[in-house]
């Protein structure tokens, strides 16, 4: 979730002396399919050195893109990093190997609240990656009003018209909109869906873009607000100090991405090693330090950047915690209604 960059990263380092000292033997390759600009290069180098494995990372820009690519087959990937609300599809459609991360040596480090998620009971398929929220990113030099509301993008104040970006992730945006109209994601209430559709269609002409890049645009002054993910909001604030992150009082989306091994993976053992690797506290901290999102691993805090301990984008303020909720993947029937609204919006 997670800023998209159209790039492919390939890294390769051999370290036989380190292998000998650790008594580890792996070698070979690992092909990772992940959100762009979301994988710590430091982590990849460490993994390659530890196991003598060449890692190739290919980016995707959305959950739908990743799912479609893997379903089509012939992709050559071993690992993907889907979001929680999409995980039931990956599992139920038989796209994943049951690698039993819950039986791996580093699973003991997973925080209790993340060991038995609804989307993968017992963690038989998934190792936690990072988690966060979807909220409002606003330049407070441009707009000084309330930023803790989805009105920022659904009923934009005059100061922000023409300077708003909306992340083109259907589940997140539909969820935020349905919360705003007083409903819930996956509702079958036709009136609520119509209200959501009308709001989105009316608001779109007041947006400047629907894209996966915000940091540079905020810095240049071309963008003053965005519906976006919290870690990228923090990265943006580090470049543009007047940027703040708002938690919509109507309700906002929480998410978690997790590491899965694909059913047709060619490097299964290396993929399992990687699942276990990211559950190590120091390694999980590398992920957080790079992407600026929280992780689910006990003991990672001492290795994390000090700023993450107090960052309002990462540590949800107490007054907003109750408004954040995980969303589920809707039924095929409801998803068709979502898609119809989304298709109209994307015209």
C-alpha atoms as a PDB file:
ATOM      1  CA  UNK A   1       0.000   0.000   0.000  1.00  0.00           C
ATOM      2  CA  UNK A   2       2.372   1.778  -0.647  1.00  0.00           C
ATOM      3  CA  UNK A   3       3.765   3.955  -3.145  1.00  0.00           C
ATOM      4  CA  UNK A   4       4.075   2.488  -6.631  1.00  0.00           C
ATOM      5  CA  UNK A   5       7.163   2.953  -8.728  1.00  0.00           C
ATOM      6  CA  UNK A   6       7.428   1.310 -12.132  1.00  0.00           C
ATOM      7  CA  UNK A   7      10.719  -0.413 -11.571  1.00  0.00           C
ATOM      8  CA  UNK A   8      12.274  -3.838 -11.158  1.00  0.00           C
ATOM      9  CA  UNK A   9      15.034  -4.352  -8.645  1.00  0.00           C
ATOM     10  CA  UNK A  10      17.530  -7.158  -8.961  1.00  0.00           C
ATOM     11  CA  UNK A  11      20.189  -7.785  -6.340  1.00  0.00           C
ATOM     12  CA  UNK A  12      22.761 -10.575  -6.066  1.00  0.00           C
ATOM     13  CA  UNK A  13      25.455 -11.116  -3.428  1.00  0.00           C
ATOM     14  CA  UNK A  14      27.375 -14.314  -2.601  1.00  0.00           C
ATOM     15  CA  UNK A  15      28.780 -14.777   0.902  1.00  0.00           C
ATOM     16  CA  UNK A  16      30.189 -18.257   1.371  1.00  0.00           C
ATOM     17  CA  UNK A  17      32.140 -17.381   4.527  1.00  0.00           C
ATOM     18  CA  UNK A  18      28.968 -16.182   6.212  1.00  0.00           C
ATOM     19  CA  UNK A  19      27.130 -19.278   5.069  1.00  0.00           C
ATOM     20  CA  UNK A  20      29.801 -21.472   6.567  1.00  0.00           C
ATOM     21  CA  UNK A  21      29.678 -19.647   9.878  1.00  0.00           C
ATOM     22  CA  UNK A  22      25.869 -19.979  10.063  1.00  0.00           C
ATOM     23  CA  UNK A  23      25.738 -23.564   8.893  1.00  0.00           C
ATOM     24  CA  UNK A  24      23.061 -22.572   6.356  1.00  0.00           C
ATOM     25  CA  UNK A  25      22.792 -23.937   2.847  1.00  0.00           C
ATOM     26  CA  UNK A  26      20.284 -22.602   0.367  1.00  0.00           C
ATOM     27  CA  UNK A  27      21.625 -20.978  -2.817  1.00  0.00           C
ATOM     28  CA  UNK A  28      19.583 -20.392  -5.912  1.00  0.00           C
ATOM     29  CA  UNK A  29      16.993 -17.723  -6.623  1.00  0.00           C
ATOM     30  CA  UNK A  30      13.933 -16.052  -5.145  1.00  0.00           C
ATOM     31  CA  UNK A  31      11.445 -14.009  -7.165  1.00  0.00           C
ATOM     32  CA  UNK A  32       9.322 -11.604  -5.133  1.00  0.00           C
ATOM     33  CA  UNK A  33       6.199  -9.832  -6.413  1.00  0.00           C
ATOM     34  CA  UNK A  34       5.426  -6.874  -4.130  1.00  0.00           C
ATOM     35  CA  UNK A  35       4.040  -3.384  -3.912  1.00  0.00           C
ATOM     36  CA  UNK A  36       6.467  -0.825  -5.336  1.00  0.00           C
ATOM     37  CA  UNK A  37       8.916   1.046  -3.106  1.00  0.00           C
ATOM     38  CA  UNK A  38       7.946  -1.227  -0.223  1.00  0.00           C
ATOM     39  CA  UNK A  39      10.879  -3.622   0.228  1.00  0.00           C
ATOM     40  CA  UNK A  40      13.955  -2.628   2.199  1.00  0.00           C
ATOM     41  CA  UNK A  41      17.084  -3.000   0.014  1.00  0.00           C
ATOM     42  CA  UNK A  42      19.050  -3.524   3.238  1.00  0.00           C
ATOM     43  CA  UNK A  43      16.807  -6.472   4.114  1.00  0.00           C
ATOM     44  CA  UNK A  44      17.248  -8.021   0.671  1.00  0.00           C
ATOM     45  CA  UNK A  45      21.031  -7.690   0.805  1.00  0.00           C
ATOM     46  CA  UNK A  46      21.072  -9.291   4.248  1.00  0.00           C
ATOM     47  CA  UNK A  47      18.926 -12.207   3.034  1.00  0.00           C
ATOM     48  CA  UNK A  48      21.096 -12.737  -0.032  1.00  0.00           C
ATOM     49  CA  UNK A  49      24.258 -12.761   2.064  1.00  0.00           C
ATOM     50  CA  UNK A  50      22.780 -15.114   4.646  1.00  0.00           C
ATOM     51  CA  UNK A  51      21.517 -17.722   2.160  1.00  0.00           C
ATOM     52  CA  UNK A  52      23.474 -17.150  -1.064  1.00  0.00           C
ATOM     53  CA  UNK A  53      20.230 -16.487  -2.897  1.00  0.00           C
ATOM     54  CA  UNK A  54      19.758 -14.063  -5.784  1.00  0.00           C
ATOM     55  CA  UNK A  55      16.598 -12.031  -5.141  1.00  0.00           C
ATOM     56  CA  UNK A  56      14.607 -10.336  -7.888  1.00  0.00           C
ATOM     57  CA  UNK A  57      11.771  -7.974  -6.985  1.00  0.00           C
ATOM     58  CA  UNK A  58       9.019  -7.013  -9.400  1.00  0.00           C
ATOM     59  CA  UNK A  59       6.575  -4.253  -8.478  1.00  0.00           C
ATOM     60  CA  UNK A  60       2.798  -4.136  -8.682  1.00  0.00           C
ATOM     61  CA  UNK A  61       0.508  -1.183  -8.124  1.00  0.00           C
ATOM     62  CA  UNK A  62      -2.653  -2.688  -6.640  1.00  0.00           C
ATOM     63  CA  UNK A  63      -4.165  -5.818  -5.134  1.00  0.00           C
ATOM     64  CA  UNK A  64      -6.230  -6.347  -8.286  1.00  0.00           C
ATOM     65  CA  UNK A  65      -3.152  -6.152 -10.505  1.00  0.00           C
ATOM     66  CA  UNK A  66      -1.290  -8.708  -8.389  1.00  0.00           C
ATOM     67  CA  UNK A  67      -4.221 -11.102  -8.201  1.00  0.00           C
ATOM     68  CA  UNK A  68      -4.889 -10.980 -11.942  1.00  0.00           C
ATOM     69  CA  UNK A  69      -1.228 -11.549 -12.799  1.00  0.00           C
ATOM     70  CA  UNK A  70      -0.880 -14.557 -10.525  1.00  0.00           C
ATOM     71  CA  UNK A  71      -4.206 -16.066 -11.613  1.00  0.00           C
ATOM     72  CA  UNK A  72      -3.104 -15.839 -15.239  1.00  0.00           C
ATOM     73  CA  UNK A  73      -0.102 -18.081 -14.500  1.00  0.00           C
ATOM     74  CA  UNK A  74       3.284 -18.109 -16.184  1.00  0.00           C
ATOM     75  CA  UNK A  75       4.475 -15.259 -13.979  1.00  0.00           C
ATOM     76  CA  UNK A  76       7.610 -16.838 -12.518  1.00  0.00           C
ATOM     77  CA  UNK A  77       7.094 -15.413  -9.014  1.00  0.00           C
ATOM     78  CA  UNK A  78       7.648 -17.326  -5.785  1.00  0.00           C
ATOM     79  CA  UNK A  79       6.276 -14.807  -3.286  1.00  0.00           C
ATOM     80  CA  UNK A  80       3.596 -12.131  -3.209  1.00  0.00           C
ATOM     81  CA  UNK A  81       2.462  -9.716  -0.481  1.00  0.00           C
ATOM     82  CA  UNK A  82      -1.352  -9.354  -0.660  1.00  0.00           C
ATOM     83  CA  UNK A  83      -3.528  -7.312   1.682  1.00  0.00           C
ATOM     84  CA  UNK A  84      -5.767  -8.863   4.313  1.00  0.00           C
ATOM     85  CA  UNK A  85      -9.088  -8.267   2.578  1.00  0.00           C
ATOM     86  CA  UNK A  86      -7.853 -10.052  -0.556  1.00  0.00           C
ATOM     87  CA  UNK A  87      -6.315 -12.992   1.278  1.00  0.00           C
ATOM     88  CA  UNK A  88      -9.456 -15.193   1.286  1.00  0.00           C
ATOM     89  CA  UNK A  89      -9.488 -15.097  -2.526  1.00  0.00           C
ATOM     90  CA  UNK A  90      -5.828 -16.147  -2.741  1.00  0.00           C
ATOM     91  CA  UNK A  91      -6.467 -19.002  -0.315  1.00  0.00           C
ATOM     92  CA  UNK A  92      -9.877 -20.161  -1.576  1.00  0.00           C
ATOM     93  CA  UNK A  93      -8.806 -20.050  -5.225  1.00  0.00           C
ATOM     94  CA  UNK A  94      -5.889 -22.355  -4.479  1.00  0.00           C
ATOM     95  CA  UNK A  95      -3.189 -19.853  -5.402  1.00  0.00           C
ATOM     96  CA  UNK A  96      -1.033 -20.453  -2.312  1.00  0.00           C
ATOM     97  CA  UNK A  97       1.040 -23.155  -0.674  1.00  0.00           C
ATOM     98  CA  UNK A  98       0.237 -23.991   2.929  1.00  0.00           C
ATOM     99  CA  UNK A  99       3.759 -23.312   4.210  1.00  0.00           C
ATOM    100  CA  UNK A 100       2.781 -23.233   7.907  1.00  0.00           C
ATOM    101  CA  UNK A 101       4.549 -20.052   9.065  1.00  0.00           C
ATOM    102  CA  UNK A 102       3.013 -20.819  12.458  1.00  0.00           C
ATOM    103  CA  UNK A 103       5.473 -23.721  12.742  1.00  0.00           C
ATOM    104  CA  UNK A 104       8.559 -21.741  11.709  1.00  0.00           C
ATOM    105  CA  UNK A 105      11.231 -20.883  14.252  1.00  0.00           C
ATOM    106  CA  UNK A 106      10.604 -17.112  14.211  1.00  0.00           C
ATOM    107  CA  UNK A 107       6.832 -17.330  14.593  1.00  0.00           C
ATOM    108  CA  UNK A 108       7.350 -16.997  18.343  1.00  0.00           C
ATOM    109  CA  UNK A 109       8.127 -13.335  17.676  1.00  0.00           C
ATOM    110  CA  UNK A 110       4.728 -12.514  16.170  1.00  0.00           C
ATOM    111  CA  UNK A 111       2.641 -10.293  18.459  1.00  0.00           C
ATOM    112  CA  UNK A 112      -0.317 -12.131  19.968  1.00  0.00           C
ATOM    113  CA  UNK A 113      -2.903  -9.958  18.227  1.00  0.00           C
ATOM    114  CA  UNK A 114      -1.500 -10.942  14.827  1.00  0.00           C
ATOM    115  CA  UNK A 115      -1.088 -14.725  15.296  1.00  0.00           C
ATOM    116  CA  UNK A 116      -4.647 -15.730  14.412  1.00  0.00           C
ATOM    117  CA  UNK A 117      -6.148 -13.251  11.937  1.00  0.00           C
ATOM    118  CA  UNK A 118      -9.581 -13.840  10.422  1.00  0.00           C
ATOM    119  CA  UNK A 119      -8.118 -13.877   6.910  1.00  0.00           C
ATOM    120  CA  UNK A 120      -5.720 -16.742   7.730  1.00  0.00           C
ATOM    121  CA  UNK A 121      -6.707 -18.551  10.938  1.00  0.00           C
ATOM    122  CA  UNK A 122      -3.589 -19.835  12.665  1.00  0.00           C
ATOM    123  CA  UNK A 123      -1.311 -18.299  10.008  1.00  0.00           C
ATOM    124  CA  UNK A 124      -1.036 -21.473   7.927  1.00  0.00           C
ATOM    125  CA  UNK A 125      -0.291 -19.483   4.769  1.00  0.00           C
ATOM    126  CA  UNK A 126       0.947 -16.021   5.727  1.00  0.00           C
ATOM    127  CA  UNK A 127       3.836 -14.372   7.525  1.00  0.00           C
ATOM    128  CA  UNK A 128       3.145 -10.749   8.565  1.00  0.00           C
ATOM    129  CA  UNK A 129       4.822  -7.994   6.579  1.00  0.00           C
ATOM    130  CA  UNK A 130       3.581  -4.515   7.594  1.00  0.00           C
ATOM    131  CA  UNK A 131       0.291  -2.925   8.612  1.00  0.00           C
ATOM    132  CA  UNK A 132      -1.245   0.525   8.663  1.00  0.00           C
ATOM    133  CA  UNK A 133      -4.181   2.750   7.815  1.00  0.00           C
ATOM    134  CA  UNK A 134      -5.740   4.751   5.016  1.00  0.00           C
ATOM    135  CA  UNK A 135      -6.294   8.419   5.834  1.00  0.00           C
ATOM    136  CA  UNK A 136      -6.116  12.010   4.684  1.00  0.00           C
ATOM    137  CA  UNK A 137      -2.789  13.574   3.749  1.00  0.00           C
ATOM    138  CA  UNK A 138      -3.173  17.365   3.784  1.00  0.00           C
ATOM    139  CA  UNK A 139      -0.888  20.366   3.361  1.00  0.00           C
ATOM    140  CA  UNK A 140      -1.952  22.515   6.304  1.00  0.00           C
ATOM    141  CA  UNK A 141      -0.395  25.595   4.706  1.00  0.00           C
ATOM    142  CA  UNK A 142      -3.109  25.318   2.058  1.00  0.00           C
ATOM    143  CA  UNK A 143      -5.996  24.112   4.231  1.00  0.00           C
ATOM    144  CA  UNK A 144      -6.288  24.854   7.952  1.00  0.00           C
ATOM    145  CA  UNK A 145      -9.656  23.183   8.619  1.00  0.00           C
ATOM    146  CA  UNK A 146     -10.510  19.749  10.012  1.00  0.00           C
ATOM    147  CA  UNK A 147      -8.471  17.033   8.300  1.00  0.00           C
ATOM    148  CA  UNK A 148      -9.983  14.145  10.286  1.00  0.00           C
ATOM    149  CA  UNK A 149     -12.792  13.612   7.808  1.00  0.00           C
ATOM    150  CA  UNK A 150     -13.322  11.962   4.439  1.00  0.00           C
ATOM    151  CA  UNK A 151     -15.055  15.157   3.352  1.00  0.00           C
ATOM    152  CA  UNK A 152     -11.551  16.201   2.283  1.00  0.00           C
ATOM    153  CA  UNK A 153     -11.977  14.112  -0.871  1.00  0.00           C
ATOM    154  CA  UNK A 154     -15.742  13.475  -0.993  1.00  0.00           C
ATOM    155  CA  UNK A 155     -16.979  17.025  -0.431  1.00  0.00           C
ATOM    156  CA  UNK A 156     -13.770  19.007  -0.876  1.00  0.00           C
ATOM    157  CA  UNK A 157     -13.320  22.448   0.674  1.00  0.00           C
ATOM    158  CA  UNK A 158     -12.723  25.193  -1.867  1.00  0.00           C
ATOM    159  CA  UNK A 159      -9.054  25.579  -0.926  1.00  0.00           C
ATOM    160  CA  UNK A 160      -8.331  21.999  -2.014  1.00  0.00           C
ATOM    161  CA  UNK A 161     -10.354  21.778  -5.221  1.00  0.00           C
ATOM    162  CA  UNK A 162      -8.110  20.758  -8.099  1.00  0.00           C
ATOM    163  CA  UNK A 163      -5.298  19.710  -5.767  1.00  0.00           C
ATOM    164  CA  UNK A 164      -6.570  16.345  -4.498  1.00  0.00           C
ATOM    165  CA  UNK A 165      -5.247  12.874  -5.292  1.00  0.00           C
ATOM    166  CA  UNK A 166      -7.160   9.671  -4.620  1.00  0.00           C
ATOM    167  CA  UNK A 167      -5.316   6.355  -4.441  1.00  0.00           C
ATOM    168  CA  UNK A 168      -6.946   4.106  -7.076  1.00  0.00           C
ATOM    169  CA  UNK A 169      -7.504   1.155  -4.737  1.00  0.00           C
ATOM    170  CA  UNK A 170     -11.171   0.199  -5.041  1.00  0.00           C
ATOM    171  CA  UNK A 171     -11.631  -1.602  -1.719  1.00  0.00           C
ATOM    172  CA  UNK A 172     -10.072   1.180   0.339  1.00  0.00           C
ATOM    173  CA  UNK A 173     -11.898   4.037  -1.381  1.00  0.00           C
ATOM    174  CA  UNK A 174     -15.280   2.301  -1.427  1.00  0.00           C
ATOM    175  CA  UNK A 175     -14.821   1.424   2.242  1.00  0.00           C
ATOM    176  CA  UNK A 176     -13.983   5.001   3.220  1.00  0.00           C
ATOM    177  CA  UNK A 177     -16.931   6.337   1.201  1.00  0.00           C
ATOM    178  CA  UNK A 178     -19.440   3.915   2.698  1.00  0.00           C
ATOM    179  CA  UNK A 179     -18.247   4.817   6.206  1.00  0.00           C
ATOM    180  CA  UNK A 180     -18.752   8.471   5.292  1.00  0.00           C
ATOM    181  CA  UNK A 181     -22.403   7.925   4.294  1.00  0.00           C
ATOM    182  CA  UNK A 182     -23.037   6.103   7.572  1.00  0.00           C
ATOM    183  CA  UNK A 183     -22.940   2.590   6.173  1.00  0.00           C
ATOM    184  CA  UNK A 184     -20.444  -0.277   6.155  1.00  0.00           C
ATOM    185  CA  UNK A 185     -18.207  -1.866   3.516  1.00  0.00           C
ATOM    186  CA  UNK A 186     -19.849  -4.753   1.674  1.00  0.00           C
ATOM    187  CA  UNK A 187     -23.334  -3.456   2.372  1.00  0.00           C
ATOM    188  CA  UNK A 188     -26.146  -4.560   0.081  1.00  0.00           C
ATOM    189  CA  UNK A 189     -28.143  -1.439   0.949  1.00  0.00           C
ATOM    190  CA  UNK A 190     -28.892   0.021  -2.474  1.00  0.00           C
ATOM    191  CA  UNK A 191     -29.567   3.488  -1.033  1.00  0.00           C
ATOM    192  CA  UNK A 192     -26.155   3.576   0.673  1.00  0.00           C
ATOM    193  CA  UNK A 193     -24.414   2.369  -2.473  1.00  0.00           C
ATOM    194  CA  UNK A 194     -26.244   4.954  -4.564  1.00  0.00           C
ATOM    195  CA  UNK A 195     -25.255   7.694  -2.125  1.00  0.00           C
ATOM    196  CA  UNK A 196     -21.628   6.520  -2.238  1.00  0.00           C
ATOM    197  CA  UNK A 197     -21.687   6.430  -6.030  1.00  0.00           C
ATOM    198  CA  UNK A 198     -23.224   9.897  -6.284  1.00  0.00           C
ATOM    199  CA  UNK A 199     -20.661  11.384  -3.898  1.00  0.00           C
ATOM    200  CA  UNK A 200     -17.706   9.869  -5.741  1.00  0.00           C
ATOM    201  CA  UNK A 201     -18.923  10.866  -9.195  1.00  0.00           C
ATOM    202  CA  UNK A 202     -19.688  14.416  -8.049  1.00  0.00           C
ATOM    203  CA  UNK A 203     -16.333  14.738  -6.283  1.00  0.00           C
ATOM    204  CA  UNK A 204     -14.111  13.400  -9.068  1.00  0.00           C
ATOM    205  CA  UNK A 205     -14.063  16.635 -11.143  1.00  0.00           C
ATOM    206  CA  UNK A 206     -12.634  18.346  -8.048  1.00  0.00           C
ATOM    207  CA  UNK A 207      -9.690  15.933  -7.893  1.00  0.00           C
ATOM    208  CA  UNK A 208      -6.480  16.423  -9.809  1.00  0.00           C
ATOM    209  CA  UNK A 209      -5.480  12.771 -10.056  1.00  0.00           C
ATOM    210  CA  UNK A 210      -6.006   9.134  -9.091  1.00  0.00           C
ATOM    211  CA  UNK A 211      -2.470   7.890  -8.713  1.00  0.00           C
ATOM    212  CA  UNK A 212       0.151   6.088  -6.677  1.00  0.00           C
ATOM    213  CA  UNK A 213       2.692   8.864  -6.211  1.00  0.00           C
ATOM    214  CA  UNK A 214       2.349  11.784  -3.797  1.00  0.00           C
ATOM    215  CA  UNK A 215       5.668  12.744  -2.190  1.00  0.00           C
ATOM    216  CA  UNK A 216       7.132  14.635  -5.122  1.00  0.00           C
ATOM    217  CA  UNK A 217       3.822  16.309  -5.961  1.00  0.00           C
ATOM    218  CA  UNK A 218       3.368  17.634  -2.425  1.00  0.00           C
ATOM    219  CA  UNK A 219       6.946  18.895  -2.398  1.00  0.00           C
ATOM    220  CA  UNK A 220       6.380  20.716  -5.691  1.00  0.00           C
ATOM    221  CA  UNK A 221       3.100  22.241  -4.507  1.00  0.00           C
ATOM    222  CA  UNK A 222       1.121  20.487  -7.238  1.00  0.00           C
ATOM    223  CA  UNK A 223      -0.891  18.501  -4.683  1.00  0.00           C
ATOM    224  CA  UNK A 224      -2.409  19.660  -1.393  1.00  0.00           C
ATOM    225  CA  UNK A 225      -4.443  16.616  -0.278  1.00  0.00           C
ATOM    226  CA  UNK A 226      -4.650  12.892  -0.894  1.00  0.00           C
ATOM    227  CA  UNK A 227      -6.392   9.771   0.338  1.00  0.00           C
ATOM    228  CA  UNK A 228      -3.357   7.613   0.964  1.00  0.00           C
ATOM    229  CA  UNK A 229      -1.533   5.167   3.179  1.00  0.00           C
ATOM    230  CA  UNK A 230       0.020   6.302   6.428  1.00  0.00           C
ATOM    231  CA  UNK A 231       3.641   5.311   5.818  1.00  0.00           C
ATOM    232  CA  UNK A 232       3.782   7.258   2.585  1.00  0.00           C
ATOM    233  CA  UNK A 233       2.108  10.135   4.413  1.00  0.00           C
ATOM    234  CA  UNK A 234       5.006  10.124   6.863  1.00  0.00           C
ATOM    235  CA  UNK A 235       7.569  10.003   4.050  1.00  0.00           C
ATOM    236  CA  UNK A 236       5.791  12.973   2.489  1.00  0.00           C
ATOM    237  CA  UNK A 237       5.827  14.942   5.761  1.00  0.00           C
ATOM    238  CA  UNK A 238       9.574  14.369   6.060  1.00  0.00           C
ATOM    239  CA  UNK A 239       9.962  16.165   2.709  1.00  0.00           C
ATOM    240  CA  UNK A 240       7.202  18.734   3.293  1.00  0.00           C
ATOM    241  CA  UNK A 241       6.840  19.578   7.033  1.00  0.00           C
ATOM    242  CA  UNK A 242       3.471  21.332   6.564  1.00  0.00           C
ATOM    243  CA  UNK A 243       1.857  18.009   5.633  1.00  0.00           C
ATOM    244  CA  UNK A 244      -0.311  16.331   8.282  1.00  0.00           C
ATOM    245  CA  UNK A 245      -2.187  13.023   8.395  1.00  0.00           C
ATOM    246  CA  UNK A 246      -5.862  12.891   9.302  1.00  0.00           C
ATOM    247  CA  UNK A 247      -7.926   9.955  10.592  1.00  0.00           C
ATOM    248  CA  UNK A 248     -11.515  10.300   9.318  1.00  0.00           C
ATOM    249  CA  UNK A 249     -13.974  10.379  12.195  1.00  0.00           C
ATOM    250  CA  UNK A 250     -16.591   8.716   9.975  1.00  0.00           C
ATOM    251  CA  UNK A 251     -14.374   5.622   9.852  1.00  0.00           C
ATOM    252  CA  UNK A 252     -11.106   4.698   8.183  1.00  0.00           C
ATOM    253  CA  UNK A 253      -9.594   1.523   6.777  1.00  0.00           C
ATOM    254  CA  UNK A 254      -6.948  -0.574   8.501  1.00  0.00           C
ATOM    255  CA  UNK A 255      -4.930  -3.078   6.504  1.00  0.00           C
ATOM    256  CA  UNK A 256      -2.167  -5.638   6.834  1.00  0.00           C
ATOM    257  CA  UNK A 257      -0.002  -7.072   4.070  1.00  0.00           C
ATOM    258  CA  UNK A 258       1.474 -10.541   4.480  1.00  0.00           C
ATOM    259  CA  UNK A 259       4.071 -12.718   2.745  1.00  0.00           C
ATOM    260  CA  UNK A 260       2.677 -15.747   0.908  1.00  0.00           C
ATOM    261  CA  UNK A 261       4.267 -18.482  -1.199  1.00  0.00           C
ATOM    262  CA  UNK A 262       2.584 -19.124  -4.527  1.00  0.00           C
ATOM    263  CA  UNK A 263       1.292 -22.572  -5.437  1.00  0.00           C
ATOM    264  CA  UNK A 264       3.393 -22.625  -8.609  1.00  0.00           C
ATOM    265  CA  UNK A 265       6.550 -21.229  -6.992  1.00  0.00           C
ATOM    266  CA  UNK A 266       9.767 -22.715  -8.387  1.00  0.00           C
ATOM    267  CA  UNK A 267      11.902 -21.821  -5.352  1.00  0.00           C
ATOM    268  CA  UNK A 268       9.715 -23.031  -2.516  1.00  0.00           C
ATOM    269  CA  UNK A 269      12.391 -23.644   0.105  1.00  0.00           C
ATOM    270  CA  UNK A 270      13.941 -20.230  -0.433  1.00  0.00           C
ATOM    271  CA  UNK A 271      10.483 -18.679  -0.193  1.00  0.00           C
ATOM    272  CA  UNK A 272       9.900 -20.414   3.145  1.00  0.00           C
ATOM    273  CA  UNK A 273      13.259 -19.143   4.358  1.00  0.00           C
ATOM    274  CA  UNK A 274      12.132 -15.632   3.457  1.00  0.00           C
ATOM    275  CA  UNK A 275       8.844 -15.990   5.348  1.00  0.00           C
ATOM    276  CA  UNK A 276      10.762 -17.006   8.448  1.00  0.00           C
ATOM    277  CA  UNK A 277      13.359 -14.289   7.835  1.00  0.00           C
ATOM    278  CA  UNK A 278      10.857 -11.407   7.963  1.00  0.00           C
ATOM    279  CA  UNK A 279       9.553 -12.613  11.337  1.00  0.00           C
ATOM    280  CA  UNK A 280      12.945 -11.897  12.944  1.00  0.00           C
ATOM    281  CA  UNK A 281      12.774  -8.676  15.043  1.00  0.00           C
ATOM    282  CA  UNK A 282      15.783  -6.982  13.470  1.00  0.00           C
ATOM    283  CA  UNK A 283      14.602  -7.830   9.977  1.00  0.00           C
ATOM    284  CA  UNK A 284      11.049  -6.642  10.637  1.00  0.00           C
ATOM    285  CA  UNK A 285      12.521  -3.364  11.855  1.00  0.00           C
ATOM    286  CA  UNK A 286      14.347  -2.974   8.537  1.00  0.00           C
ATOM    287  CA  UNK A 287      10.992  -3.171   6.767  1.00  0.00           C
ATOM    288  CA  UNK A 288       9.479  -0.533   9.062  1.00  0.00           C
ATOM    289  CA  UNK A 289      12.481   1.767   8.851  1.00  0.00           C
ATOM    290  CA  UNK A 290      12.350   1.722   5.064  1.00  0.00           C
ATOM    291  CA  UNK A 291       8.606   1.956   4.416  1.00  0.00           C
ATOM    292  CA  UNK A 292       7.580   3.850   7.590  1.00  0.00           C
ATOM    293  CA  UNK A 293       4.833   1.405   8.572  1.00  0.00           C
ATOM    294  CA  UNK A 294       4.292  -0.599  11.745  1.00  0.00           C
ATOM    295  CA  UNK A 295       5.172  -4.293  11.865  1.00  0.00           C
ATOM    296  CA  UNK A 296       3.736  -7.195  13.847  1.00  0.00           C
ATOM    297  CA  UNK A 297       6.918  -8.508  15.445  1.00  0.00           C
ATOM    298  CA  UNK A 298       7.712  -8.376  19.175  1.00  0.00           C
ATOM    299  CA  UNK A 299      11.238  -7.212  19.916  1.00  0.00           C
ATOM    300  CA  UNK A 300      11.562  -5.107  16.773  1.00  0.00           C
ATOM    301  CA  UNK A 301      11.225  -1.749  18.572  1.00  0.00           C
ATOM    302  CA  UNK A 302      14.897  -1.481  19.717  1.00  0.00           C
ATOM    303  CA  UNK A 303      16.007  -1.755  16.079  1.00  0.00           C
ATOM    304  CA  UNK A 304      13.515   0.794  14.734  1.00  0.00           C
ATOM    305  CA  UNK A 305      14.071   4.466  14.037  1.00  0.00           C
ATOM    306  CA  UNK A 306      13.268   6.654  17.034  1.00  0.00           C
ATOM    307  CA  UNK A 307      10.877   8.789  14.985  1.00  0.00           C
ATOM    308  CA  UNK A 308       8.584   5.795  14.399  1.00  0.00           C
ATOM    309  CA  UNK A 309       7.861   5.531  18.123  1.00  0.00           C
ATOM    310  CA  UNK A 310       6.071   8.882  18.179  1.00  0.00           C
ATOM    311  CA  UNK A 311       5.071   9.495  14.561  1.00  0.00           C
ATOM    312  CA  UNK A 312       1.323  10.325  14.450  1.00  0.00           C
ATOM    313  CA  UNK A 313       1.048   8.521  11.126  1.00  0.00           C
ATOM    314  CA  UNK A 314       2.331   5.254  12.614  1.00  0.00           C
ATOM    315  CA  UNK A 315       1.062   5.435  16.199  1.00  0.00           C
ATOM    316  CA  UNK A 316      -2.688   5.966  15.881  1.00  0.00           C
ATOM    317  CA  UNK A 317      -3.734   8.620  18.425  1.00  0.00           C
ATOM    318  CA  UNK A 318      -5.989   7.233  21.166  1.00  0.00           C
ATOM    319  CA  UNK A 319      -8.947   9.376  20.142  1.00  0.00           C
ATOM    320  CA  UNK A 320      -8.960   7.820  16.665  1.00  0.00           C
ATOM    321  CA  UNK A 321      -8.298   4.146  17.398  1.00  0.00           C
ATOM    322  CA  UNK A 322     -11.969   3.178  17.603  1.00  0.00           C
ATOM    323  CA  UNK A 323     -12.680   4.559  14.146  1.00  0.00           C
ATOM    324  CA  UNK A 324     -10.235   2.275  12.337  1.00  0.00           C
ATOM    325  CA  UNK A 325     -11.507  -1.057  11.060  1.00  0.00           C
ATOM    326  CA  UNK A 326     -10.306  -3.864   8.828  1.00  0.00           C
ATOM    327  CA  UNK A 327     -12.452  -4.426   5.761  1.00  0.00           C
ATOM    328  CA  UNK A 328     -13.333  -7.795   4.312  1.00  0.00           C
ATOM    329  CA  UNK A 329     -13.500  -8.945   0.723  1.00  0.00           C
ATOM    330  CA  UNK A 330     -17.131  -8.571  -0.319  1.00  0.00           C
ATOM    331  CA  UNK A 331     -19.235 -11.345  -1.828  1.00  0.00           C
ATOM    332  CA  UNK A 332     -19.095 -11.713  -5.632  1.00  0.00           C
ATOM    333  CA  UNK A 333     -22.549 -10.139  -5.889  1.00  0.00           C
ATOM    334  CA  UNK A 334     -21.577  -7.048  -3.863  1.00  0.00           C
ATOM    335  CA  UNK A 335     -18.212  -6.865  -5.586  1.00  0.00           C
ATOM    336  CA  UNK A 336     -20.025  -6.596  -8.919  1.00  0.00           C
ATOM    337  CA  UNK A 337     -21.866  -3.531  -7.608  1.00  0.00           C
ATOM    338  CA  UNK A 338     -18.575  -2.068  -6.364  1.00  0.00           C
ATOM    339  CA  UNK A 339     -16.965  -2.711  -9.730  1.00  0.00           C
ATOM    340  CA  UNK A 340     -19.808  -1.047 -11.604  1.00  0.00           C
ATOM    341  CA  UNK A 341     -19.398   2.088  -9.480  1.00  0.00           C
ATOM    342  CA  UNK A 342     -15.608   1.972  -9.822  1.00  0.00           C
ATOM    343  CA  UNK A 343     -15.741   1.509 -13.577  1.00  0.00           C
ATOM    344  CA  UNK A 344     -17.966   4.565 -13.891  1.00  0.00           C
ATOM    345  CA  UNK A 345     -15.607   6.539 -11.649  1.00  0.00           C
ATOM    346  CA  UNK A 346     -12.544   5.591 -13.685  1.00  0.00           C
ATOM    347  CA  UNK A 347     -14.027   6.755 -17.008  1.00  0.00           C
END
